[in-house]
């Protein structure tokens, strides 16, 4: 799925929406959450994550409205429904 139509979407494409939510969860809520480590490129993605702080709230709002079915298509083992729940909760942190 391409996120390039979103503000800063090229960066979200680099990380992936599911990975972004997973790492945000680790960063802000639960340091024991490690699904984001299931991709070999996580070091590069962390670098992008840190450079794009100004987009994070906007992206989380967009992810809450995304299709669960599309979000289900990930390699880190988190359901689309759970990603939406996590994104929603992160908006209140």
PDB file of N, CA and C in Angstrom:
ATOM      1  N   UNK A   1       0.840  -1.175   0.000  1.00  0.00           N
ATOM      2  CA  UNK A   1       0.000   0.000   0.000  1.00  0.00           C
ATOM      3  C   UNK A   1       0.890   1.244   0.000  1.00  0.00           C
ATOM      4  N   UNK A   2       0.508   2.231  -0.782  1.00  0.00           N
ATOM      5  CA  UNK A   2       1.284   3.463  -0.869  1.00  0.00           C
ATOM      6  C   UNK A   2       0.614   4.561  -0.043  1.00  0.00           C
ATOM      7  N   UNK A   3       1.425   5.275   0.703  1.00  0.00           N
ATOM      8  CA  UNK A   3       0.927   6.365   1.550  1.00  0.00           C
ATOM      9  C   UNK A   3       1.388   7.718   1.034  1.00  0.00           C
ATOM     10  N   UNK A   4       1.855   7.779  -0.204  1.00  0.00           N
ATOM     11  CA  UNK A   4       2.466   8.993  -0.729  1.00  0.00           C
ATOM     12  C   UNK A   4       1.509  10.169  -0.831  1.00  0.00           C
ATOM     13  N   UNK A   5       0.207   9.943  -0.822  1.00  0.00           N
ATOM     14  CA  UNK A   5      -0.739  11.049  -0.882  1.00  0.00           C
ATOM     15  C   UNK A   5      -0.893  11.755   0.458  1.00  0.00           C
ATOM     16  N   UNK A   6      -0.417  11.155   1.512  1.00  0.00           N
ATOM     17  CA  UNK A   6      -0.463  11.762   2.840  1.00  0.00           C
ATOM     18  C   UNK A   6       0.688  12.743   3.010  1.00  0.00           C
ATOM     19  N   UNK A   7       0.516  13.740   3.853  1.00  0.00           N
ATOM     20  CA  UNK A   7       1.639  14.617   4.194  1.00  0.00           C
ATOM     21  C   UNK A   7       2.757  13.762   4.766  1.00  0.00           C
ATOM     22  N   UNK A   8       3.944  13.904   4.227  1.00  0.00           N
ATOM     23  CA  UNK A   8       5.074  13.103   4.684  1.00  0.00           C
ATOM     24  C   UNK A   8       4.953  11.640   4.333  1.00  0.00           C
ATOM     25  N   UNK A   9       4.071  11.324   3.411  1.00  0.00           N
ATOM     26  CA  UNK A   9       3.789   9.938   3.076  1.00  0.00           C
ATOM     27  C   UNK A   9       4.974   9.152   2.554  1.00  0.00           C
ATOM     28  N   UNK A  10       5.903   9.830   1.911  1.00  0.00           N
ATOM     29  CA  UNK A  10       7.084   9.123   1.413  1.00  0.00           C
ATOM     30  C   UNK A  10       7.852   8.487   2.581  1.00  0.00           C
ATOM     31  N   UNK A  11       7.855   9.169   3.716  1.00  0.00           N
ATOM     32  CA  UNK A  11       8.526   8.630   4.903  1.00  0.00           C
ATOM     33  C   UNK A  11       7.729   7.480   5.514  1.00  0.00           C
ATOM     34  N   UNK A  12       6.403   7.631   5.532  1.00  0.00           N
ATOM     35  CA  UNK A  12       5.569   6.549   6.059  1.00  0.00           C
ATOM     36  C   UNK A  12       5.699   5.318   5.167  1.00  0.00           C
ATOM     37  N   UNK A  13       5.834   5.520   3.867  1.00  0.00           N
ATOM     38  CA  UNK A  13       6.080   4.392   2.958  1.00  0.00           C
ATOM     39  C   UNK A  13       7.359   3.665   3.328  1.00  0.00           C
ATOM     40  N   UNK A  14       8.384   4.413   3.682  1.00  0.00           N
ATOM     41  CA  UNK A  14       9.672   3.816   4.042  1.00  0.00           C
ATOM     42  C   UNK A  14       9.540   2.932   5.275  1.00  0.00           C
ATOM     43  N   UNK A  15       8.768   3.393   6.244  1.00  0.00           N
ATOM     44  CA  UNK A  15       8.602   2.634   7.488  1.00  0.00           C
ATOM     45  C   UNK A  15       7.506   1.584   7.390  1.00  0.00           C
ATOM     46  N   UNK A  16       6.404   1.942   6.754  1.00  0.00           N
ATOM     47  CA  UNK A  16       5.203   1.116   6.757  1.00  0.00           C
ATOM     48  C   UNK A  16       4.326   1.520   7.927  1.00  0.00           C
ATOM     49  N   UNK A  17       3.037   1.628   7.696  1.00  0.00           N
ATOM     50  CA  UNK A  17       2.104   2.088   8.734  1.00  0.00           C
ATOM     51  C   UNK A  17       2.081   1.156   9.938  1.00  0.00           C
ATOM     52  N   UNK A  18       2.061  -0.137   9.686  1.00  0.00           N
ATOM     53  CA  UNK A  18       1.995  -1.110  10.784  1.00  0.00           C
ATOM     54  C   UNK A  18       3.280  -1.047  11.605  1.00  0.00           C
ATOM     55  N   UNK A  19       4.420  -1.001  10.936  1.00  0.00           N
ATOM     56  CA  UNK A  19       5.684  -0.893  11.660  1.00  0.00           C
ATOM     57  C   UNK A  19       5.717   0.397  12.465  1.00  0.00           C
ATOM     58  N   UNK A  20       5.276   1.493  11.865  1.00  0.00           N
ATOM     59  CA  UNK A  20       5.253   2.790  12.545  1.00  0.00           C
ATOM     60  C   UNK A  20       4.429   2.717  13.832  1.00  0.00           C
ATOM     61  N   UNK A  21       3.253   2.133  13.772  1.00  0.00           N
ATOM     62  CA  UNK A  21       2.413   2.010  14.974  1.00  0.00           C
ATOM     63  C   UNK A  21       3.081   1.098  15.994  1.00  0.00           C
ATOM     64  N   UNK A  22       3.633  -0.002  15.543  1.00  0.00           N
ATOM     65  CA  UNK A  22       4.301  -0.937  16.446  1.00  0.00           C
ATOM     66  C   UNK A  22       5.466  -0.261  17.170  1.00  0.00           C
ATOM     67  N   UNK A  23       6.297   0.456  16.431  1.00  0.00           N
ATOM     68  CA  UNK A  23       7.439   1.118  17.067  1.00  0.00           C
ATOM     69  C   UNK A  23       6.969   2.255  17.968  1.00  0.00           C
ATOM     70  N   UNK A  24       5.945   2.973  17.567  1.00  0.00           N
ATOM     71  CA  UNK A  24       5.392   4.043  18.414  1.00  0.00           C
ATOM     72  C   UNK A  24       4.883   3.472  19.729  1.00  0.00           C
ATOM     73  N   UNK A  25       4.257   2.295  19.645  1.00  0.00           N
ATOM     74  CA  UNK A  25       3.753   1.628  20.854  1.00  0.00           C
ATOM     75  C   UNK A  25       4.924   1.305  21.789  1.00  0.00           C
ATOM     76  N   UNK A  26       5.965   0.752  21.218  1.00  0.00           N
ATOM     77  CA  UNK A  26       7.181   0.459  21.986  1.00  0.00           C
ATOM     78  C   UNK A  26       7.760   1.748  22.587  1.00  0.00           C
ATOM     79  N   UNK A  27       7.833   2.791  21.791  1.00  0.00           N
ATOM     80  CA  UNK A  27       8.446   4.050  22.191  1.00  0.00           C
ATOM     81  C   UNK A  27       7.655   4.791  23.266  1.00  0.00           C
ATOM     82  N   UNK A  28       6.347   4.718  23.215  1.00  0.00           N
ATOM     83  CA  UNK A  28       5.522   5.562  24.089  1.00  0.00           C
ATOM     84  C   UNK A  28       4.702   4.814  25.139  1.00  0.00           C
ATOM     85  N   UNK A  29       4.494   3.509  24.943  1.00  0.00           N
ATOM     86  CA  UNK A  29       3.568   2.792  25.827  1.00  0.00           C
ATOM     87  C   UNK A  29       4.206   1.590  26.524  1.00  0.00           C
ATOM     88  N   UNK A  30       4.872   0.719  25.755  1.00  0.00           N
ATOM     89  CA  UNK A  30       5.288  -0.569  26.309  1.00  0.00           C
ATOM     90  C   UNK A  30       6.631  -1.017  25.718  1.00  0.00           C
ATOM     91  N   UNK A  31       7.691  -0.835  26.468  1.00  0.00           N
ATOM     92  CA  UNK A  31       9.030  -1.189  25.974  1.00  0.00           C
ATOM     93  C   UNK A  31       9.233  -2.696  25.813  1.00  0.00           C
ATOM     94  N   UNK A  32       8.291  -3.496  26.266  1.00  0.00           N
ATOM     95  CA  UNK A  32       8.401  -4.941  26.064  1.00  0.00           C
ATOM     96  C   UNK A  32       7.799  -5.372  24.722  1.00  0.00           C
ATOM     97  N   UNK A  33       7.122  -4.463  24.045  1.00  0.00           N
ATOM     98  CA  UNK A  33       6.533  -4.755  22.726  1.00  0.00           C
ATOM     99  C   UNK A  33       7.652  -4.757  21.690  1.00  0.00           C
ATOM    100  N   UNK A  34       7.855  -5.873  21.014  1.00  0.00           N
ATOM    101  CA  UNK A  34       8.997  -5.976  20.103  1.00  0.00           C
ATOM    102  C   UNK A  34       8.643  -6.453  18.691  1.00  0.00           C
ATOM    103  N   UNK A  35       7.380  -6.441  18.310  1.00  0.00           N
ATOM    104  CA  UNK A  35       7.022  -6.882  16.959  1.00  0.00           C
ATOM    105  C   UNK A  35       7.772  -6.091  15.886  1.00  0.00           C
ATOM    106  N   UNK A  36       8.031  -4.830  16.140  1.00  0.00           N
ATOM    107  CA  UNK A  36       8.729  -3.975  15.173  1.00  0.00           C
ATOM    108  C   UNK A  36      10.113  -4.511  14.817  1.00  0.00           C
ATOM    109  N   UNK A  37      10.676  -5.352  15.664  1.00  0.00           N
ATOM    110  CA  UNK A  37      12.003  -5.922  15.402  1.00  0.00           C
ATOM    111  C   UNK A  37      11.979  -7.077  14.395  1.00  0.00           C
ATOM    112  N   UNK A  38      10.800  -7.479  13.956  1.00  0.00           N
ATOM    113  CA  UNK A  38      10.689  -8.628  13.051  1.00  0.00           C
ATOM    114  C   UNK A  38      11.090  -8.303  11.611  1.00  0.00           C
ATOM    115  N   UNK A  39      11.452  -7.063  11.331  1.00  0.00           N
ATOM    116  CA  UNK A  39      11.938  -6.710   9.998  1.00  0.00           C
ATOM    117  C   UNK A  39      13.427  -6.402  10.098  1.00  0.00           C
ATOM    118  N   UNK A  40      14.173  -6.850   9.119  1.00  0.00           N
ATOM    119  CA  UNK A  40      15.633  -6.678   9.173  1.00  0.00           C
ATOM    120  C   UNK A  40      16.066  -5.228   8.999  1.00  0.00           C
ATOM    121  N   UNK A  41      15.189  -4.395   8.473  1.00  0.00           N
ATOM    122  CA  UNK A  41      15.540  -2.992   8.205  1.00  0.00           C
ATOM    123  C   UNK A  41      15.127  -2.056   9.336  1.00  0.00           C
ATOM    124  N   UNK A  42      14.907  -2.596  10.519  1.00  0.00           N
ATOM    125  CA  UNK A  42      14.377  -1.742  11.584  1.00  0.00           C
ATOM    126  C   UNK A  42      15.304  -0.597  11.972  1.00  0.00           C
ATOM    127  N   UNK A  43      16.620  -0.753  11.859  1.00  0.00           N
ATOM    128  CA  UNK A  43      17.515   0.361  12.209  1.00  0.00           C
ATOM    129  C   UNK A  43      17.295   1.561  11.299  1.00  0.00           C
ATOM    130  N   UNK A  44      17.144   1.328  10.005  1.00  0.00           N
ATOM    131  CA  UNK A  44      16.858   2.408   9.071  1.00  0.00           C
ATOM    132  C   UNK A  44      15.499   3.036   9.375  1.00  0.00           C
ATOM    133  N   UNK A  45      14.517   2.201   9.674  1.00  0.00           N
ATOM    134  CA  UNK A  45      13.175   2.703   9.971  1.00  0.00           C
ATOM    135  C   UNK A  45      13.173   3.549  11.239  1.00  0.00           C
ATOM    136  N   UNK A  46      13.950   3.169  12.227  1.00  0.00           N
ATOM    137  CA  UNK A  46      14.044   3.975  13.454  1.00  0.00           C
ATOM    138  C   UNK A  46      14.602   5.352  13.128  1.00  0.00           C
ATOM    139  N   UNK A  47      15.578   5.413  12.267  1.00  0.00           N
ATOM    140  CA  UNK A  47      16.155   6.688  11.854  1.00  0.00           C
ATOM    141  C   UNK A  47      15.091   7.573  11.201  1.00  0.00           C
ATOM    142  N   UNK A  48      14.286   7.001  10.326  1.00  0.00           N
ATOM    143  CA  UNK A  48      13.208   7.753   9.676  1.00  0.00           C
ATOM    144  C   UNK A  48      12.173   8.176  10.717  1.00  0.00           C
ATOM    145  N   UNK A  49      11.833   7.286  11.621  1.00  0.00           N
ATOM    146  CA  UNK A  49      10.871   7.582  12.693  1.00  0.00           C
ATOM    147  C   UNK A  49      11.316   8.819  13.477  1.00  0.00           C
ATOM    148  N   UNK A  50      12.559   8.858  13.848  1.00  0.00           N
ATOM    149  CA  UNK A  50      13.075   9.971  14.655  1.00  0.00           C
ATOM    150  C   UNK A  50      13.100  11.286  13.882  1.00  0.00           C
ATOM    151  N   UNK A  51      13.286  11.222  12.570  1.00  0.00           N
ATOM    152  CA  UNK A  51      13.332  12.434  11.750  1.00  0.00           C
ATOM    153  C   UNK A  51      11.947  12.972  11.408  1.00  0.00           C
ATOM    154  N   UNK A  52      10.908  12.205  11.682  1.00  0.00           N
ATOM    155  CA  UNK A  52       9.567  12.584  11.220  1.00  0.00           C
ATOM    156  C   UNK A  52       8.578  12.835  12.362  1.00  0.00           C
ATOM    157  N   UNK A  53       9.064  13.219  13.509  1.00  0.00           N
ATOM    158  CA  UNK A  53       8.189  13.415  14.672  1.00  0.00           C
ATOM    159  C   UNK A  53       7.022  14.354  14.380  1.00  0.00           C
ATOM    160  N   UNK A  54       7.235  15.351  13.547  1.00  0.00           N
ATOM    161  CA  UNK A  54       6.182  16.329  13.276  1.00  0.00           C
ATOM    162  C   UNK A  54       4.975  15.713  12.554  1.00  0.00           C
ATOM    163  N   UNK A  55       5.135  14.567  11.927  1.00  0.00           N
ATOM    164  CA  UNK A  55       4.038  13.915  11.210  1.00  0.00           C
ATOM    165  C   UNK A  55       3.294  12.868  12.043  1.00  0.00           C
ATOM    166  N   UNK A  56       3.840  12.462  13.157  1.00  0.00           N
ATOM    167  CA  UNK A  56       3.324  11.291  13.862  1.00  0.00           C
ATOM    168  C   UNK A  56       1.851  11.381  14.233  1.00  0.00           C
ATOM    169  N   UNK A  57       1.414  12.472  14.821  1.00  0.00           N
ATOM    170  CA  UNK A  57       0.005  12.590  15.213  1.00  0.00           C
ATOM    171  C   UNK A  57      -0.888  12.533  13.987  1.00  0.00           C
ATOM    172  N   UNK A  58      -0.516  13.226  12.943  1.00  0.00           N
ATOM    173  CA  UNK A  58      -1.279  13.208  11.693  1.00  0.00           C
ATOM    174  C   UNK A  58      -1.384  11.786  11.146  1.00  0.00           C
ATOM    175  N   UNK A  59      -0.265  11.076  11.090  1.00  0.00           N
ATOM    176  CA  UNK A  59      -0.284   9.712  10.574  1.00  0.00           C
ATOM    177  C   UNK A  59      -1.159   8.799  11.421  1.00  0.00           C
ATOM    178  N   UNK A  60      -1.068   8.932  12.737  1.00  0.00           N
ATOM    179  CA  UNK A  60      -1.905   8.094  13.610  1.00  0.00           C
ATOM    180  C   UNK A  60      -3.382   8.340  13.326  1.00  0.00           C
ATOM    181  N   UNK A  61      -3.765   9.595  13.128  1.00  0.00           N
ATOM    182  CA  UNK A  61      -5.165   9.903  12.796  1.00  0.00           C
ATOM    183  C   UNK A  61      -5.572   9.248  11.482  1.00  0.00           C
ATOM    184  N   UNK A  62      -4.681   9.235  10.519  1.00  0.00           N
ATOM    185  CA  UNK A  62      -4.978   8.610   9.232  1.00  0.00           C
ATOM    186  C   UNK A  62      -5.082   7.088   9.368  1.00  0.00           C
ATOM    187  N   UNK A  63      -4.206   6.506  10.147  1.00  0.00           N
ATOM    188  CA  UNK A  63      -4.185   5.048  10.314  1.00  0.00           C
ATOM    189  C   UNK A  63      -5.453   4.555  10.991  1.00  0.00           C
ATOM    190  N   UNK A  64      -5.994   5.321  11.927  1.00  0.00           N
ATOM    191  CA  UNK A  64      -7.240   4.944  12.605  1.00  0.00           C
ATOM    192  C   UNK A  64      -8.366   4.743  11.586  1.00  0.00           C
ATOM    193  N   UNK A  65      -8.305   5.453  10.471  1.00  0.00           N
ATOM    194  CA  UNK A  65      -9.351   5.376   9.447  1.00  0.00           C
ATOM    195  C   UNK A  65      -9.036   4.376   8.332  1.00  0.00           C
ATOM    196  N   UNK A  66      -7.909   3.702   8.402  1.00  0.00           N
ATOM    197  CA  UNK A  66      -7.518   2.772   7.338  1.00  0.00           C
ATOM    198  C   UNK A  66      -8.270   1.450   7.437  1.00  0.00           C
ATOM    199  N   UNK A  67      -8.248   0.718   6.352  1.00  0.00           N
ATOM    200  CA  UNK A  67      -8.903  -0.580   6.266  1.00  0.00           C
ATOM    201  C   UNK A  67      -8.158  -1.629   7.095  1.00  0.00           C
ATOM    202  N   UNK A  68      -8.902  -2.314   7.951  1.00  0.00           N
ATOM    203  CA  UNK A  68      -8.303  -3.408   8.726  1.00  0.00           C
ATOM    204  C   UNK A  68      -7.705  -4.454   7.790  1.00  0.00           C
ATOM    205  N   UNK A  69      -8.394  -4.744   6.703  1.00  0.00           N
ATOM    206  CA  UNK A  69      -7.917  -5.772   5.770  1.00  0.00           C
ATOM    207  C   UNK A  69      -6.566  -5.393   5.173  1.00  0.00           C
ATOM    208  N   UNK A  70      -6.390  -4.129   4.800  1.00  0.00           N
ATOM    209  CA  UNK A  70      -5.101  -3.704   4.256  1.00  0.00           C
ATOM    210  C   UNK A  70      -4.020  -3.747   5.332  1.00  0.00           C
ATOM    211  N   UNK A  71      -4.362  -3.351   6.536  1.00  0.00           N
ATOM    212  CA  UNK A  71      -3.383  -3.370   7.627  1.00  0.00           C
ATOM    213  C   UNK A  71      -3.030  -4.795   8.041  1.00  0.00           C
ATOM    214  N   UNK A  72      -3.935  -5.737   7.789  1.00  0.00           N
ATOM    215  CA  UNK A  72      -3.660  -7.147   8.097  1.00  0.00           C
ATOM    216  C   UNK A  72      -2.499  -7.692   7.281  1.00  0.00           C
ATOM    217  N   UNK A  73      -2.215  -7.062   6.162  1.00  0.00           N
ATOM    218  CA  UNK A  73      -1.177  -7.542   5.241  1.00  0.00           C
ATOM    219  C   UNK A  73       0.191  -7.053   5.708  1.00  0.00           C
ATOM    220  N   UNK A  74       0.631  -7.563   6.828  1.00  0.00           N
ATOM    221  CA  UNK A  74       1.926  -7.153   7.373  1.00  0.00           C
ATOM    222  C   UNK A  74       2.720  -8.384   7.776  1.00  0.00           C
ATOM    223  N   UNK A  75       3.994  -8.191   7.994  1.00  0.00           N
ATOM    224  CA  UNK A  75       4.880  -9.319   8.308  1.00  0.00           C
ATOM    225  C   UNK A  75       5.311  -9.342   9.766  1.00  0.00           C
ATOM    226  N   UNK A  76       4.718  -8.469  10.582  1.00  0.00           N
ATOM    227  CA  UNK A  76       5.163  -8.426  11.980  1.00  0.00           C
ATOM    228  C   UNK A  76       4.143  -9.013  12.949  1.00  0.00           C
ATOM    229  N   UNK A  77       3.074  -9.591  12.415  1.00  0.00           N
ATOM    230  CA  UNK A  77       2.175 -10.382  13.246  1.00  0.00           C
ATOM    231  C   UNK A  77       1.199  -9.618  14.119  1.00  0.00           C
ATOM    232  N   UNK A  78       0.726  -8.467  13.648  1.00  0.00           N
ATOM    233  CA  UNK A  78      -0.279  -7.712  14.399  1.00  0.00           C
ATOM    234  C   UNK A  78      -1.493  -7.542  13.493  1.00  0.00           C
ATOM    235  N   UNK A  79      -2.669  -7.848  14.006  1.00  0.00           N
ATOM    236  CA  UNK A  79      -3.878  -7.736  13.189  1.00  0.00           C
ATOM    237  C   UNK A  79      -4.180  -6.277  12.873  1.00  0.00           C
ATOM    238  N   UNK A  80      -4.877  -6.073  11.771  1.00  0.00           N
ATOM    239  CA  UNK A  80      -5.294  -4.728  11.399  1.00  0.00           C
ATOM    240  C   UNK A  80      -6.146  -4.077  12.470  1.00  0.00           C
ATOM    241  N   UNK A  81      -7.037  -4.848  13.056  1.00  0.00           N
ATOM    242  CA  UNK A  81      -7.897  -4.323  14.128  1.00  0.00           C
ATOM    243  C   UNK A  81      -7.038  -3.834  15.298  1.00  0.00           C
ATOM    244  N   UNK A  82      -6.040  -4.627  15.676  1.00  0.00           N
ATOM    245  CA  UNK A  82      -5.165  -4.252  16.797  1.00  0.00           C
ATOM    246  C   UNK A  82      -4.341  -3.015  16.450  1.00  0.00           C
ATOM    247  N   UNK A  83      -3.879  -2.895  15.212  1.00  0.00           N
ATOM    248  CA  UNK A  83      -3.124  -1.710  14.802  1.00  0.00           C
ATOM    249  C   UNK A  83      -3.991  -0.462  14.950  1.00  0.00           C
ATOM    250  N   UNK A  84      -5.245  -0.546  14.528  1.00  0.00           N
ATOM    251  CA  UNK A  84      -6.152   0.597  14.656  1.00  0.00           C
ATOM    252  C   UNK A  84      -6.381   0.926  16.121  1.00  0.00           C
ATOM    253  N   UNK A  85      -6.562  -0.094  16.958  1.00  0.00           N
ATOM    254  CA  UNK A  85      -6.722   0.137  18.401  1.00  0.00           C
ATOM    255  C   UNK A  85      -5.489   0.813  18.999  1.00  0.00           C
ATOM    256  N   UNK A  86      -4.316   0.337  18.603  1.00  0.00           N
ATOM    257  CA  UNK A  86      -3.073   0.909  19.120  1.00  0.00           C
ATOM    258  C   UNK A  86      -2.906   2.356  18.649  1.00  0.00           C
ATOM    259  N   UNK A  87      -3.186   2.611  17.381  1.00  0.00           N
ATOM    260  CA  UNK A  87      -3.065   3.972  16.853  1.00  0.00           C
ATOM    261  C   UNK A  87      -4.005   4.914  17.585  1.00  0.00           C
ATOM    262  N   UNK A  88      -5.215   4.466  17.823  1.00  0.00           N
ATOM    263  CA  UNK A  88      -6.193   5.268  18.551  1.00  0.00           C
ATOM    264  C   UNK A  88      -5.716   5.570  19.968  1.00  0.00           C
ATOM    265  N   UNK A  89      -5.203   4.564  20.637  1.00  0.00           N
ATOM    266  CA  UNK A  89      -4.701   4.753  21.999  1.00  0.00           C
ATOM    267  C   UNK A  89      -3.494   5.684  22.015  1.00  0.00           C
ATOM    268  N   UNK A  90      -2.618   5.582  21.000  1.00  0.00           N
ATOM    269  CA  UNK A  90      -1.429   6.438  20.937  1.00  0.00           C
ATOM    270  C   UNK A  90      -1.800   7.912  20.793  1.00  0.00           C
ATOM    271  N   UNK A  91      -2.944   8.189  20.218  1.00  0.00           N
ATOM    272  CA  UNK A  91      -3.394   9.586  20.076  1.00  0.00           C
ATOM    273  C   UNK A  91      -3.705  10.225  21.417  1.00  0.00           C
ATOM    274  N   UNK A  92      -3.904   9.409  22.439  1.00  0.00           N
ATOM    275  CA  UNK A  92      -4.219   9.947  23.766  1.00  0.00           C
ATOM    276  C   UNK A  92      -3.010   9.990  24.699  1.00  0.00           C
ATOM    277  N   UNK A  93      -1.884   9.493  24.210  1.00  0.00           N
ATOM    278  CA  UNK A  93      -0.679   9.438  25.048  1.00  0.00           C
ATOM    279  C   UNK A  93       0.051  10.772  25.002  1.00  0.00           C
TER     280      UNK A  93
END
